Structure formats: structure tokens, C-alpha cells
Amino acid sequence: MAQIEGIEVRHLRVWWQCGWAVTTDPALDGEACDDGRTLRLFDEEREFSLTSNHFARNDGVPFRAEDVFGWFPPTDLVGQRFAHEDADHVGRAVWVTVAGDGPTRTWLLVAITLHRASQRGAQMTTVVHSAEGLAWALALWRGVRYDPEEGARTAGVAPVAPR
């Protein structure tokens, strides 16, 4: 690829999990876990997992995002809270620190994003080993998108390798 002065060209990789697209840098490897229900992306310093869900009420009342975000994130999960919303998606996340062995610590971004029209949801956990990983974790979470056509095509299929 030709160099363009003043412009950085970054290569990206898109992973699919039951209609959810996750765009990452190509350094992350991936695998299916939990009998294909979860996509796990990782390298030596970072890890991201996404499990796809379908939310529906069982009382006949139309589903609303507040039905999930009334209990998520749980109040006992103490940390910095984030919200994300666009025309098609709404999400909530919490950034928490977990003590490790000795002086080590691990930081987690625990999140749920919902696709409004389809009632599909993605539960995500991002794990990093320094507080500086927050910006990367937030960008990854906020960039996850649901594609209903891809969701219908890949429902029940293990995560699709990058394209």
C-alpha cells in the first residue's frame, strides 16, 4: 500500500459472533468458547469476550432496554460507570479493578449492549493489566455493532473467523 503523507493507515480485523461485529487490530487471536456461544479475542496483554443473547419479556409486555439496565450493572459491582447510545444500540458498562496475586491488579470493563430493534444483546468482558487499557476497552465496546442480516445468517453458528 502506498504511503500517504500525513495519514496513518491502520489495518483492522472484523470478527463476527451471531450477528455482532467486533472490529479489532490484527494482533488479537480468537477462538470460540462455551460450545460456540462466546467469542474470545486475546493477546498477551488483553482479552475480550462476547456472548450473544436474545432478550424478551415473558409477561407479554414489549421489551425495553430499561428491563436490562434496571439491574445491570449490578449495584454491588463498584467502579466507574459508562453509558453508550446511538440510533440502533444502547449500552452500559462498569470499569472495575480486581486484586491479583501480590501487587498485580487486573482491570475489567463489564458491559452489555442491546440492539433496539432485534432485542439482541451482547454481554462483554474486557480484561487488561493496566489502568491505561481503559481507552482501548471503551473504544472496543462502543464499536461493537449488531447486523440483523448477519445475525439471521449466523444464528447458532460458532464465531466466524475474520474477513
N, C-alpha and C. Protein backbone atom coordinates (compact mmCIF):
# COMPACT_ATOMS: atom_id res chain seq x y z
N MET A 1 0.84 -1.16 0.00
CA MET A 1 0.00 0.00 0.00
C MET A 1 0.89 1.24 0.00
N ALA A 2 0.53 2.20 -0.79
CA ALA A 2 1.31 3.43 -0.90
C ALA A 2 1.17 4.26 0.37
N GLN A 3 2.26 4.90 0.78
CA GLN A 3 2.24 5.80 1.92
C GLN A 3 1.58 7.12 1.52
N ILE A 4 0.76 7.63 2.37
CA ILE A 4 0.12 8.92 2.13
C ILE A 4 0.64 9.86 3.21
N GLU A 5 1.29 10.92 2.77
CA GLU A 5 1.90 11.83 3.73
C GLU A 5 0.86 12.42 4.68
N GLY A 6 1.15 12.34 5.98
CA GLY A 6 0.27 12.91 6.98
C GLY A 6 -0.92 12.05 7.37
N ILE A 7 -1.00 10.83 6.81
CA ILE A 7 -2.13 9.94 7.11
C ILE A 7 -1.59 8.61 7.58
N GLU A 8 -2.11 8.15 8.70
CA GLU A 8 -1.74 6.84 9.22
C GLU A 8 -2.74 5.81 8.70
N VAL A 9 -2.23 4.75 8.13
CA VAL A 9 -3.08 3.67 7.63
C VAL A 9 -2.96 2.51 8.61
N ARG A 10 -4.08 2.15 9.23
CA ARG A 10 -4.10 1.04 10.19
C ARG A 10 -4.89 -0.12 9.62
N HIS A 11 -4.37 -1.30 9.79
CA HIS A 11 -5.08 -2.49 9.37
C HIS A 11 -6.03 -2.91 10.48
N LEU A 12 -7.18 -3.40 10.11
CA LEU A 12 -8.20 -3.82 11.06
C LEU A 12 -8.67 -5.23 10.73
N ARG A 13 -9.26 -5.86 11.71
CA ARG A 13 -9.84 -7.20 11.55
C ARG A 13 -11.24 -7.14 12.13
N VAL A 14 -12.21 -7.74 11.42
CA VAL A 14 -13.59 -7.81 11.91
C VAL A 14 -13.92 -9.26 12.23
N TRP A 15 -14.38 -9.48 13.45
CA TRP A 15 -14.83 -10.79 13.91
C TRP A 15 -16.35 -10.74 14.03
N TRP A 16 -17.02 -11.88 13.78
CA TRP A 16 -18.48 -11.95 13.88
C TRP A 16 -18.87 -13.00 14.90
N GLN A 17 -19.88 -12.68 15.71
CA GLN A 17 -20.45 -13.63 16.65
C GLN A 17 -21.97 -13.45 16.62
N CYS A 18 -22.67 -14.38 15.96
CA CYS A 18 -24.14 -14.35 15.92
C CYS A 18 -24.69 -12.98 15.54
N GLY A 19 -24.09 -12.35 14.55
CA GLY A 19 -24.56 -11.06 14.06
C GLY A 19 -23.88 -9.85 14.66
N TRP A 20 -23.09 -10.05 15.71
CA TRP A 20 -22.36 -8.96 16.33
C TRP A 20 -20.98 -8.83 15.68
N ALA A 21 -20.65 -7.63 15.23
CA ALA A 21 -19.35 -7.37 14.62
C ALA A 21 -18.44 -6.70 15.65
N VAL A 22 -17.22 -7.22 15.75
CA VAL A 22 -16.21 -6.67 16.64
C VAL A 22 -15.01 -6.32 15.77
N THR A 23 -14.65 -5.05 15.72
CA THR A 23 -13.53 -4.59 14.92
C THR A 23 -12.32 -4.39 15.83
N THR A 24 -11.22 -5.07 15.51
CA THR A 24 -10.02 -5.01 16.34
C THR A 24 -8.78 -4.78 15.47
N ASP A 25 -7.67 -4.56 16.16
CA ASP A 25 -6.41 -4.57 15.44
C ASP A 25 -6.05 -6.03 15.15
N PRO A 26 -5.24 -6.30 14.14
CA PRO A 26 -4.98 -7.69 13.75
C PRO A 26 -4.11 -8.47 14.73
N ALA A 27 -3.62 -7.84 15.79
CA ALA A 27 -2.76 -8.54 16.75
C ALA A 27 -3.53 -9.55 17.61
N LEU A 28 -4.84 -9.40 17.69
CA LEU A 28 -5.62 -10.29 18.54
C LEU A 28 -5.93 -11.62 17.84
N ASP A 29 -5.74 -12.70 18.57
CA ASP A 29 -6.17 -14.02 18.11
C ASP A 29 -7.58 -14.24 18.61
N GLY A 30 -8.25 -15.26 18.07
CA GLY A 30 -9.61 -15.52 18.50
C GLY A 30 -9.93 -16.99 18.55
N GLU A 31 -10.94 -17.30 19.36
CA GLU A 31 -11.41 -18.68 19.46
C GLU A 31 -12.86 -18.68 19.93
N ALA A 32 -13.54 -19.77 19.63
CA ALA A 32 -14.89 -19.99 20.13
C ALA A 32 -14.80 -20.72 21.46
N CYS A 33 -15.61 -20.30 22.42
CA CYS A 33 -15.66 -20.94 23.74
C CYS A 33 -17.12 -21.29 24.06
N ASP A 34 -17.31 -22.05 25.10
CA ASP A 34 -18.66 -22.39 25.57
C ASP A 34 -19.51 -22.98 24.43
N ASP A 35 -18.96 -23.97 23.76
CA ASP A 35 -19.67 -24.62 22.64
C ASP A 35 -20.10 -23.64 21.57
N GLY A 36 -19.26 -22.62 21.31
CA GLY A 36 -19.53 -21.66 20.25
C GLY A 36 -20.40 -20.49 20.66
N ARG A 37 -20.83 -20.43 21.91
CA ARG A 37 -21.70 -19.34 22.35
C ARG A 37 -20.94 -18.05 22.62
N THR A 38 -19.63 -18.16 22.82
CA THR A 38 -18.83 -16.99 23.18
C THR A 38 -17.64 -16.86 22.24
N LEU A 39 -17.40 -15.65 21.81
CA LEU A 39 -16.21 -15.31 21.04
C LEU A 39 -15.19 -14.74 22.01
N ARG A 40 -13.98 -15.29 22.00
CA ARG A 40 -12.90 -14.79 22.86
C ARG A 40 -11.77 -14.30 21.97
N LEU A 41 -11.39 -13.04 22.15
CA LEU A 41 -10.28 -12.43 21.43
C LEU A 41 -9.20 -12.10 22.45
N PHE A 42 -7.93 -12.29 22.09
CA PHE A 42 -6.88 -12.13 23.10
C PHE A 42 -5.52 -11.95 22.47
N ASP A 43 -4.62 -11.36 23.26
CA ASP A 43 -3.18 -11.38 23.03
C ASP A 43 -2.54 -11.48 24.41
N GLU A 44 -1.27 -11.23 24.53
CA GLU A 44 -0.60 -11.41 25.82
C GLU A 44 -1.04 -10.41 26.88
N GLU A 45 -1.54 -9.26 26.46
CA GLU A 45 -1.88 -8.19 27.42
C GLU A 45 -3.37 -7.91 27.56
N ARG A 46 -4.18 -8.40 26.62
CA ARG A 46 -5.59 -8.02 26.60
C ARG A 46 -6.45 -9.23 26.28
N GLU A 47 -7.70 -9.17 26.74
CA GLU A 47 -8.66 -10.22 26.42
C GLU A 47 -10.04 -9.60 26.33
N PHE A 48 -10.84 -10.07 25.38
CA PHE A 48 -12.20 -9.58 25.17
C PHE A 48 -13.07 -10.79 24.90
N SER A 49 -14.23 -10.85 25.55
CA SER A 49 -15.18 -11.93 25.25
C SER A 49 -16.55 -11.34 25.01
N LEU A 50 -17.29 -11.95 24.09
CA LEU A 50 -18.64 -11.51 23.74
C LEU A 50 -19.53 -12.73 23.65
N THR A 51 -20.65 -12.67 24.36
CA THR A 51 -21.67 -13.71 24.28
C THR A 51 -22.95 -13.04 23.81
N SER A 52 -23.58 -13.61 22.78
CA SER A 52 -24.80 -13.05 22.21
C SER A 52 -26.03 -13.62 22.93
N ASN A 53 -27.01 -12.76 23.15
CA ASN A 53 -28.26 -13.15 23.81
C ASN A 53 -29.45 -12.54 23.09
N HIS A 54 -30.61 -13.11 23.34
CA HIS A 54 -31.87 -12.51 22.90
C HIS A 54 -32.69 -12.23 24.15
N PHE A 55 -33.15 -11.00 24.29
CA PHE A 55 -33.92 -10.62 25.47
C PHE A 55 -35.39 -10.49 25.09
N ALA A 56 -36.27 -11.04 25.90
CA ALA A 56 -37.71 -10.91 25.70
C ALA A 56 -38.38 -11.02 27.06
N ARG A 57 -39.44 -10.29 27.22
CA ARG A 57 -40.22 -10.39 28.46
C ARG A 57 -41.16 -11.57 28.34
N ASN A 58 -41.47 -12.20 29.45
CA ASN A 58 -42.39 -13.34 29.41
C ASN A 58 -43.78 -12.98 29.91
N ASP A 59 -44.06 -11.67 30.06
CA ASP A 59 -45.38 -11.24 30.52
C ASP A 59 -46.20 -10.57 29.43
N GLY A 60 -45.73 -10.64 28.17
CA GLY A 60 -46.46 -10.07 27.05
C GLY A 60 -46.22 -8.58 26.84
N VAL A 61 -45.53 -7.94 27.74
CA VAL A 61 -45.22 -6.51 27.61
C VAL A 61 -44.02 -6.37 26.69
N PRO A 62 -44.05 -5.39 25.77
CA PRO A 62 -42.90 -5.21 24.89
C PRO A 62 -41.60 -4.97 25.68
N PHE A 63 -40.55 -5.56 25.19
CA PHE A 63 -39.24 -5.43 25.83
C PHE A 63 -38.71 -4.01 25.67
N ARG A 64 -38.07 -3.49 26.71
CA ARG A 64 -37.43 -2.18 26.68
C ARG A 64 -36.02 -2.32 27.25
N ALA A 65 -35.12 -1.49 26.82
CA ALA A 65 -33.75 -1.54 27.32
C ALA A 65 -33.70 -1.39 28.83
N GLU A 66 -34.62 -0.61 29.38
CA GLU A 66 -34.65 -0.41 30.83
C GLU A 66 -34.87 -1.72 31.58
N ASP A 67 -35.47 -2.72 30.92
CA ASP A 67 -35.67 -4.02 31.56
C ASP A 67 -34.33 -4.65 31.93
N VAL A 68 -33.32 -4.44 31.11
CA VAL A 68 -31.99 -4.96 31.40
C VAL A 68 -31.21 -3.98 32.26
N PHE A 69 -31.27 -2.71 31.90
CA PHE A 69 -30.43 -1.73 32.59
C PHE A 69 -31.00 -1.33 33.95
N GLY A 70 -32.15 -1.89 34.31
CA GLY A 70 -32.64 -1.73 35.67
C GLY A 70 -31.84 -2.57 36.65
N TRP A 71 -31.19 -3.63 36.16
CA TRP A 71 -30.38 -4.49 37.04
C TRP A 71 -28.91 -4.56 36.64
N PHE A 72 -28.57 -4.02 35.48
CA PHE A 72 -27.18 -4.06 35.04
C PHE A 72 -26.67 -2.64 34.80
N PRO A 73 -25.47 -2.33 35.25
CA PRO A 73 -24.60 -3.16 36.07
C PRO A 73 -25.14 -3.27 37.49
N PRO A 74 -24.90 -4.40 38.13
CA PRO A 74 -25.38 -4.58 39.50
C PRO A 74 -24.77 -3.54 40.43
N THR A 75 -25.53 -3.14 41.43
CA THR A 75 -25.05 -2.11 42.35
C THR A 75 -23.84 -2.56 43.16
N ASP A 76 -23.69 -3.87 43.35
CA ASP A 76 -22.53 -4.34 44.12
C ASP A 76 -21.25 -4.42 43.30
N LEU A 77 -21.35 -4.17 42.01
CA LEU A 77 -20.18 -4.10 41.15
C LEU A 77 -19.71 -2.64 41.16
N VAL A 78 -18.76 -2.36 42.01
CA VAL A 78 -18.35 -0.98 42.27
C VAL A 78 -17.24 -0.58 41.30
N GLY A 79 -17.45 0.54 40.63
CA GLY A 79 -16.45 1.06 39.70
C GLY A 79 -17.01 2.23 38.93
N GLN A 80 -16.23 2.70 37.98
CA GLN A 80 -16.64 3.82 37.13
C GLN A 80 -17.66 3.31 36.10
N ARG A 81 -18.79 4.00 35.99
CA ARG A 81 -19.87 3.56 35.10
C ARG A 81 -19.90 4.38 33.82
N PHE A 82 -20.29 3.71 32.73
CA PHE A 82 -20.35 4.35 31.42
C PHE A 82 -21.66 3.99 30.74
N ALA A 83 -22.12 4.90 29.89
CA ALA A 83 -23.30 4.66 29.06
C ALA A 83 -22.91 4.98 27.62
N HIS A 84 -23.54 4.26 26.72
CA HIS A 84 -23.29 4.49 25.29
C HIS A 84 -24.62 4.33 24.57
N GLU A 85 -24.90 5.23 23.65
CA GLU A 85 -26.16 5.15 22.92
C GLU A 85 -25.98 5.73 21.53
N ASP A 86 -26.56 5.05 20.53
CA ASP A 86 -26.66 5.60 19.18
C ASP A 86 -28.04 5.23 18.66
N ALA A 87 -28.28 5.45 17.39
CA ALA A 87 -29.62 5.22 16.84
C ALA A 87 -30.09 3.77 16.99
N ASP A 88 -29.18 2.82 16.91
CA ASP A 88 -29.56 1.41 16.93
C ASP A 88 -29.20 0.67 18.21
N HIS A 89 -28.28 1.19 18.99
CA HIS A 89 -27.73 0.46 20.13
C HIS A 89 -27.78 1.30 21.40
N VAL A 90 -27.86 0.61 22.53
CA VAL A 90 -27.76 1.25 23.83
C VAL A 90 -26.96 0.30 24.73
N GLY A 91 -26.04 0.87 25.51
CA GLY A 91 -25.21 0.02 26.34
C GLY A 91 -24.83 0.65 27.66
N ARG A 92 -24.47 -0.21 28.59
CA ARG A 92 -23.99 0.21 29.90
C ARG A 92 -22.76 -0.62 30.23
N ALA A 93 -21.83 -0.02 30.95
CA ALA A 93 -20.61 -0.72 31.33
C ALA A 93 -20.12 -0.21 32.68
N VAL A 94 -19.29 -1.03 33.30
CA VAL A 94 -18.65 -0.62 34.54
C VAL A 94 -17.19 -1.07 34.48
N TRP A 95 -16.28 -0.18 34.90
CA TRP A 95 -14.83 -0.40 34.91
C TRP A 95 -14.43 -0.71 36.34
N VAL A 96 -13.94 -1.92 36.59
CA VAL A 96 -13.62 -2.34 37.95
C VAL A 96 -12.19 -2.85 38.01
N THR A 97 -11.62 -2.75 39.21
CA THR A 97 -10.28 -3.26 39.47
C THR A 97 -10.40 -4.51 40.32
N VAL A 98 -9.64 -5.52 39.96
CA VAL A 98 -9.64 -6.78 40.69
C VAL A 98 -8.22 -7.02 41.20
N ALA A 99 -8.10 -7.28 42.47
CA ALA A 99 -6.78 -7.55 43.04
C ALA A 99 -6.28 -8.90 42.53
N GLY A 100 -5.01 -8.94 42.20
CA GLY A 100 -4.39 -10.18 41.75
C GLY A 100 -3.47 -10.73 42.82
N ASP A 101 -2.64 -11.68 42.45
CA ASP A 101 -1.65 -12.22 43.37
C ASP A 101 -0.56 -11.18 43.60
N GLY A 102 -0.25 -10.93 44.84
CA GLY A 102 0.80 -9.96 45.15
C GLY A 102 0.37 -8.56 44.75
N PRO A 103 1.29 -7.80 44.16
CA PRO A 103 0.98 -6.40 43.82
C PRO A 103 0.24 -6.25 42.48
N THR A 104 0.00 -7.34 41.78
CA THR A 104 -0.63 -7.22 40.46
C THR A 104 -2.12 -6.93 40.59
N ARG A 105 -2.62 -6.23 39.60
CA ARG A 105 -4.05 -5.92 39.53
C ARG A 105 -4.52 -6.18 38.11
N THR A 106 -5.80 -6.44 37.99
CA THR A 106 -6.43 -6.63 36.69
C THR A 106 -7.60 -5.66 36.62
N TRP A 107 -7.81 -5.07 35.45
CA TRP A 107 -8.93 -4.16 35.23
C TRP A 107 -9.90 -4.83 34.27
N LEU A 108 -11.19 -4.69 34.58
CA LEU A 108 -12.24 -5.29 33.76
C LEU A 108 -13.22 -4.20 33.33
N LEU A 109 -13.63 -4.25 32.08
CA LEU A 109 -14.79 -3.49 31.62
C LEU A 109 -15.87 -4.52 31.37
N VAL A 110 -16.90 -4.50 32.20
CA VAL A 110 -18.01 -5.45 32.10
C VAL A 110 -19.17 -4.67 31.49
N ALA A 111 -19.73 -5.19 30.38
CA ALA A 111 -20.70 -4.39 29.62
C ALA A 111 -21.80 -5.24 29.01
N ILE A 112 -22.91 -4.58 28.75
CA ILE A 112 -23.99 -5.14 27.93
C ILE A 112 -24.38 -4.07 26.92
N THR A 113 -24.51 -4.47 25.67
CA THR A 113 -25.03 -3.60 24.62
C THR A 113 -26.24 -4.28 24.02
N LEU A 114 -27.30 -3.50 23.78
CA LEU A 114 -28.52 -4.01 23.18
C LEU A 114 -28.74 -3.38 21.82
N HIS A 115 -29.22 -4.20 20.89
CA HIS A 115 -29.68 -3.70 19.59
C HIS A 115 -31.18 -3.50 19.74
N ARG A 116 -31.63 -2.27 19.62
CA ARG A 116 -33.01 -1.92 19.95
C ARG A 116 -34.05 -2.72 19.15
N ALA A 117 -33.92 -2.76 17.85
CA ALA A 117 -34.97 -3.34 17.01
C ALA A 117 -35.08 -4.86 17.15
N SER A 118 -33.97 -5.54 17.32
CA SER A 118 -33.99 -7.01 17.32
C SER A 118 -34.09 -7.62 18.72
N GLN A 119 -33.92 -6.82 19.75
CA GLN A 119 -33.88 -7.29 21.14
C GLN A 119 -32.69 -8.22 21.39
N ARG A 120 -31.69 -8.12 20.54
CA ARG A 120 -30.46 -8.88 20.75
C ARG A 120 -29.55 -8.12 21.68
N GLY A 121 -28.80 -8.88 22.46
CA GLY A 121 -27.87 -8.27 23.38
C GLY A 121 -26.53 -8.95 23.32
N ALA A 122 -25.50 -8.21 23.65
CA ALA A 122 -24.15 -8.77 23.74
C ALA A 122 -23.63 -8.49 25.14
N GLN A 123 -23.25 -9.55 25.84
CA GLN A 123 -22.57 -9.42 27.12
C GLN A 123 -21.09 -9.47 26.82
N MET A 124 -20.35 -8.48 27.34
CA MET A 124 -18.94 -8.39 27.01
C MET A 124 -18.11 -8.17 28.27
N THR A 125 -16.94 -8.76 28.27
CA THR A 125 -15.97 -8.51 29.33
C THR A 125 -14.63 -8.26 28.65
N THR A 126 -14.00 -7.16 29.02
CA THR A 126 -12.67 -6.83 28.52
C THR A 126 -11.72 -6.86 29.72
N VAL A 127 -10.59 -7.53 29.56
CA VAL A 127 -9.61 -7.67 30.63
C VAL A 127 -8.30 -7.07 30.16
N VAL A 128 -7.75 -6.17 30.97
CA VAL A 128 -6.44 -5.58 30.69
C VAL A 128 -5.64 -5.58 31.99
N HIS A 129 -4.33 -5.39 31.87
CA HIS A 129 -3.47 -5.48 33.04
C HIS A 129 -2.87 -4.15 33.46
N SER A 130 -3.44 -3.05 32.94
CA SER A 130 -3.03 -1.73 33.41
C SER A 130 -4.22 -0.79 33.24
N ALA A 131 -4.27 0.23 34.08
CA ALA A 131 -5.36 1.21 34.02
C ALA A 131 -5.38 1.94 32.68
N GLU A 132 -4.23 2.00 32.00
CA GLU A 132 -4.16 2.67 30.70
C GLU A 132 -4.98 1.93 29.63
N GLY A 133 -5.41 0.72 29.91
CA GLY A 133 -6.21 -0.05 28.96
C GLY A 133 -7.65 0.41 28.86
N LEU A 134 -8.06 1.35 29.71
CA LEU A 134 -9.45 1.80 29.69
C LEU A 134 -9.85 2.38 28.33
N ALA A 135 -9.04 3.23 27.74
CA ALA A 135 -9.39 3.85 26.45
C ALA A 135 -9.60 2.79 25.39
N TRP A 136 -8.72 1.78 25.34
CA TRP A 136 -8.86 0.70 24.36
C TRP A 136 -10.14 -0.09 24.64
N ALA A 137 -10.40 -0.42 25.91
CA ALA A 137 -11.58 -1.20 26.27
C ALA A 137 -12.87 -0.45 25.90
N LEU A 138 -12.91 0.84 26.19
CA LEU A 138 -14.10 1.64 25.85
C LEU A 138 -14.31 1.73 24.35
N ALA A 139 -13.24 1.96 23.60
CA ALA A 139 -13.36 2.06 22.13
C ALA A 139 -13.85 0.74 21.54
N LEU A 140 -13.32 -0.36 22.04
CA LEU A 140 -13.75 -1.68 21.54
C LEU A 140 -15.22 -1.90 21.84
N TRP A 141 -15.63 -1.66 23.08
CA TRP A 141 -17.04 -1.85 23.48
C TRP A 141 -17.97 -0.95 22.67
N ARG A 142 -17.64 0.32 22.56
CA ARG A 142 -18.51 1.26 21.85
C ARG A 142 -18.58 0.98 20.36
N GLY A 143 -17.61 0.24 19.83
CA GLY A 143 -17.59 -0.08 18.40
C GLY A 143 -18.31 -1.36 18.04
N VAL A 144 -18.76 -2.13 19.00
CA VAL A 144 -19.46 -3.39 18.71
C VAL A 144 -20.83 -3.06 18.12
N ARG A 145 -21.16 -3.69 17.00
CA ARG A 145 -22.42 -3.43 16.29
C ARG A 145 -23.12 -4.73 15.94
N TYR A 146 -24.47 -4.67 15.93
CA TYR A 146 -25.27 -5.82 15.53
C TYR A 146 -25.81 -5.59 14.13
N ASP A 147 -25.70 -6.62 13.29
CA ASP A 147 -26.24 -6.58 11.93
C ASP A 147 -27.31 -7.65 11.84
N PRO A 148 -28.61 -7.27 11.76
CA PRO A 148 -29.69 -8.26 11.76
C PRO A 148 -29.58 -9.29 10.64
N GLU A 149 -29.12 -8.89 9.45
CA GLU A 149 -28.99 -9.87 8.36
C GLU A 149 -27.91 -10.89 8.68
N GLU A 150 -26.78 -10.43 9.19
CA GLU A 150 -25.70 -11.34 9.58
C GLU A 150 -26.16 -12.20 10.76
N GLY A 151 -26.94 -11.62 11.66
CA GLY A 151 -27.46 -12.38 12.79
C GLY A 151 -28.35 -13.52 12.36
N ALA A 152 -29.22 -13.26 11.37
CA ALA A 152 -30.10 -14.32 10.87
C ALA A 152 -29.29 -15.40 10.15
N ARG A 153 -28.26 -15.00 9.45
CA ARG A 153 -27.44 -15.94 8.70
C ARG A 153 -26.58 -16.81 9.61
N THR A 154 -26.10 -16.24 10.74
CA THR A 154 -25.15 -16.95 11.56
C THR A 154 -25.73 -17.43 12.90
N ALA A 155 -27.03 -17.33 13.08
CA ALA A 155 -27.63 -17.76 14.36
C ALA A 155 -27.28 -19.21 14.62
N GLY A 156 -26.78 -19.47 15.80
CA GLY A 156 -26.45 -20.85 16.18
C GLY A 156 -25.16 -21.35 15.60
N VAL A 157 -24.39 -20.48 14.92
CA VAL A 157 -23.13 -20.89 14.30
C VAL A 157 -22.00 -20.37 15.17
N ALA A 158 -20.94 -21.14 15.27
CA ALA A 158 -19.77 -20.71 16.03
C ALA A 158 -19.23 -19.42 15.45
N PRO A 159 -18.45 -18.65 16.22
CA PRO A 159 -17.91 -17.39 15.72
C PRO A 159 -17.22 -17.55 14.37
N VAL A 160 -17.43 -16.56 13.53
CA VAL A 160 -16.88 -16.58 12.18
C VAL A 160 -15.50 -15.93 12.22
N ALA A 161 -14.55 -16.58 11.60
CA ALA A 161 -13.18 -16.05 11.52
C ALA A 161 -13.19 -14.69 10.84
N PRO A 162 -12.18 -13.91 11.04
CA PRO A 162 -12.15 -12.57 10.47
C PRO A 162 -12.24 -12.59 8.95
N ARG A 163 -12.84 -11.53 8.42
CA ARG A 163 -12.93 -11.37 6.98
C ARG A 163 -12.29 -10.06 6.59
